[in-house]
Amino acid sequence: MSDWRRCDTCRKVRSSDEFDGEATTCVVCLTVPAPVARKKAAPVVRTRTTPRPAAAPAEPAARKPLLGSVGSGDLEVRERRARRAAQEALAESHPEEFGLLLRDARQAEGLRPLSTGSAANGTEDDV
């Protein structure tokens, strides 16, 4: 049965056969060359640059309408938007007739009538 000892250098537990007599350092630590000291890393060099002047903000270009795909969203949304624009244009060009048509449509839907001022403008107070 072999005896076990701890090496003072590498701190590994080794059998007594790996030591020279009563030595406290194992044969492996005595035969391995000493580790080569690593060079220190060079310090980081930072160069300072002069601050650049802030770029002048670019003026936004005038947006041109896109031909072929005017609007965003699906077809139903664009149709509702076009209908709303036509209704607003009609309300501005014929306010009295639009007010009468709006009043009749609200009455058919069971909604209360609008005041005369808002019906002429084509705006709804109740949504």
Protein backbone atom coordinates (compact mmCIF):
# COMPACT_ATOMS: atom_id res chain seq x y z
CA MET A 1 0.00 0.00 0.00
CA SER A 2 1.36 3.36 -0.99
CA ASP A 3 1.54 6.48 1.13
CA TRP A 4 0.10 9.79 -0.14
CA ARG A 5 1.52 13.28 0.30
CA ARG A 6 0.75 16.78 -0.93
CA CYS A 7 3.36 18.66 -2.97
CA ASP A 8 4.22 22.13 -1.57
CA THR A 9 4.67 23.61 -5.05
CA CYS A 10 1.78 22.31 -7.16
CA ARG A 11 -0.45 21.39 -4.19
CA LYS A 12 -1.43 18.08 -5.84
CA VAL A 13 -1.79 14.91 -3.78
CA ARG A 14 0.68 12.34 -5.13
CA SER A 15 1.95 8.95 -4.05
CA SER A 16 5.15 8.78 -1.99
CA ASP A 17 6.90 7.18 -4.97
CA GLU A 18 6.78 10.53 -6.78
CA PHE A 19 8.86 12.26 -4.10
CA ASP A 20 12.64 12.03 -3.46
CA GLY A 21 12.82 10.67 0.06
CA GLU A 22 11.59 13.27 2.53
CA ALA A 23 11.41 16.11 -0.01
CA THR A 24 8.27 18.26 0.14
CA THR A 25 8.26 18.96 -3.61
CA CYS A 26 7.38 16.22 -6.09
CA VAL A 27 9.71 15.00 -8.84
CA VAL A 28 7.38 16.41 -11.53
CA CYS A 29 7.70 19.96 -10.13
CA LEU A 30 11.49 19.58 -9.83
CA THR A 31 11.94 18.39 -13.43
CA VAL A 32 9.53 20.76 -15.18
CA PRO A 33 11.19 23.98 -16.31
CA ALA A 34 10.09 27.13 -14.54
CA PRO A 35 7.26 28.91 -16.30
CA VAL A 36 8.37 31.72 -18.53
CA ALA A 37 7.32 35.10 -17.20
CA ARG A 38 4.88 36.73 -19.55
CA LYS A 39 5.49 40.18 -20.81
CA LYS A 40 3.29 42.88 -19.46
CA ALA A 41 0.82 44.17 -21.95
CA ALA A 42 1.61 47.57 -23.32
CA PRO A 43 -0.57 50.31 -21.90
CA VAL A 44 -3.49 51.44 -24.01
CA VAL A 45 -2.74 54.57 -25.97
CA ARG A 46 -5.63 56.89 -26.60
CA THR A 47 -5.37 59.67 -29.07
CA ARG A 48 -7.59 62.67 -28.81
CA THR A 49 -9.26 64.00 -31.87
CA THR A 50 -10.62 67.45 -32.24
CA PRO A 51 -14.39 67.55 -31.95
CA ARG A 52 -16.16 67.87 -35.26
CA PRO A 53 -18.71 70.61 -35.70
CA ALA A 54 -22.29 69.45 -35.64
CA ALA A 55 -23.74 68.80 -39.04
CA ALA A 56 -26.40 71.23 -40.15
CA PRO A 57 -29.84 69.61 -40.14
CA ALA A 58 -31.02 68.84 -43.64
CA GLU A 59 -34.20 70.55 -44.72
CA PRO A 60 -36.98 68.09 -45.42
CA ALA A 61 -37.78 67.83 -49.08
CA ALA A 62 -41.31 68.46 -50.24
CA ARG A 63 -43.16 65.17 -50.53
CA LYS A 64 -44.49 64.36 -53.94
CA PRO A 65 -47.54 62.16 -54.38
CA LEU A 66 -46.69 58.64 -55.41
CA LEU A 67 -48.27 57.69 -58.69
CA GLY A 68 -49.96 54.32 -58.69
CA SER A 69 -49.98 53.71 -54.95
CA VAL A 70 -51.46 56.80 -53.34
CA GLY A 71 -52.36 55.93 -49.77
CA SER A 72 -51.53 53.26 -47.37
CA GLY A 73 -53.55 50.39 -46.10
CA ASP A 74 -55.86 47.94 -47.75
CA LEU A 75 -58.43 48.77 -50.41
CA GLU A 76 -61.35 49.12 -47.98
CA VAL A 77 -59.53 51.72 -45.87
CA ARG A 78 -58.57 53.74 -48.94
CA GLU A 79 -62.17 53.61 -50.24
CA ARG A 80 -63.50 54.91 -46.91
CA ARG A 81 -60.89 57.67 -46.92
CA ALA A 82 -61.88 58.71 -50.47
CA ARG A 83 -65.59 58.65 -49.55
CA ARG A 84 -64.95 60.80 -46.47
CA ALA A 85 -62.97 63.33 -48.54
CA ALA A 86 -65.80 63.49 -51.12
CA GLN A 87 -68.39 63.99 -48.38
CA GLU A 88 -66.36 66.81 -46.84
CA ALA A 89 -66.02 68.48 -50.25
CA LEU A 90 -69.78 68.11 -50.84
CA ALA A 91 -70.55 69.54 -47.40
CA GLU A 92 -68.44 72.59 -48.19
CA SER A 93 -69.90 73.17 -51.64
CA HIS A 94 -73.59 72.57 -50.73
CA PRO A 95 -73.94 73.01 -46.93
CA GLU A 96 -77.76 73.31 -46.81
CA GLU A 97 -78.45 70.24 -48.94
CA PHE A 98 -75.80 68.23 -47.09
CA GLY A 99 -77.35 69.22 -43.75
CA LEU A 100 -80.77 68.00 -44.90
CA LEU A 101 -79.35 64.72 -46.19
CA LEU A 102 -77.38 64.19 -42.98
CA ARG A 103 -80.43 64.90 -40.85
CA ASP A 104 -82.54 62.39 -42.81
CA ALA A 105 -79.82 59.73 -42.63
CA ARG A 106 -79.40 60.18 -38.86
CA GLN A 107 -83.15 59.96 -38.39
CA ALA A 108 -83.29 56.74 -40.44
CA GLU A 109 -80.58 55.25 -38.20
CA GLY A 110 -82.47 56.23 -35.05
CA LEU A 111 -79.96 58.86 -33.97
CA ARG A 112 -80.97 62.20 -32.48
CA PRO A 113 -80.84 65.18 -34.82
CA LEU A 114 -77.84 67.47 -34.80
CA SER A 115 -78.03 71.15 -33.98
CA THR A 116 -78.39 73.38 -37.03
CA GLY A 117 -74.89 74.85 -36.68
CA SER A 118 -73.04 71.55 -36.76
CA ALA A 119 -75.24 70.05 -39.50
CA ALA A 120 -74.37 72.92 -41.80
CA ASN A 121 -70.65 72.37 -41.14
CA GLY A 122 -70.92 68.65 -41.70
CA THR A 123 -69.34 67.76 -38.33
CA GLU A 124 -70.77 65.34 -35.84
CA ASP A 125 -70.71 66.00 -32.10
CA ASP A 126 -71.78 62.45 -31.19
CA VAL A 127 -69.57 59.60 -32.29
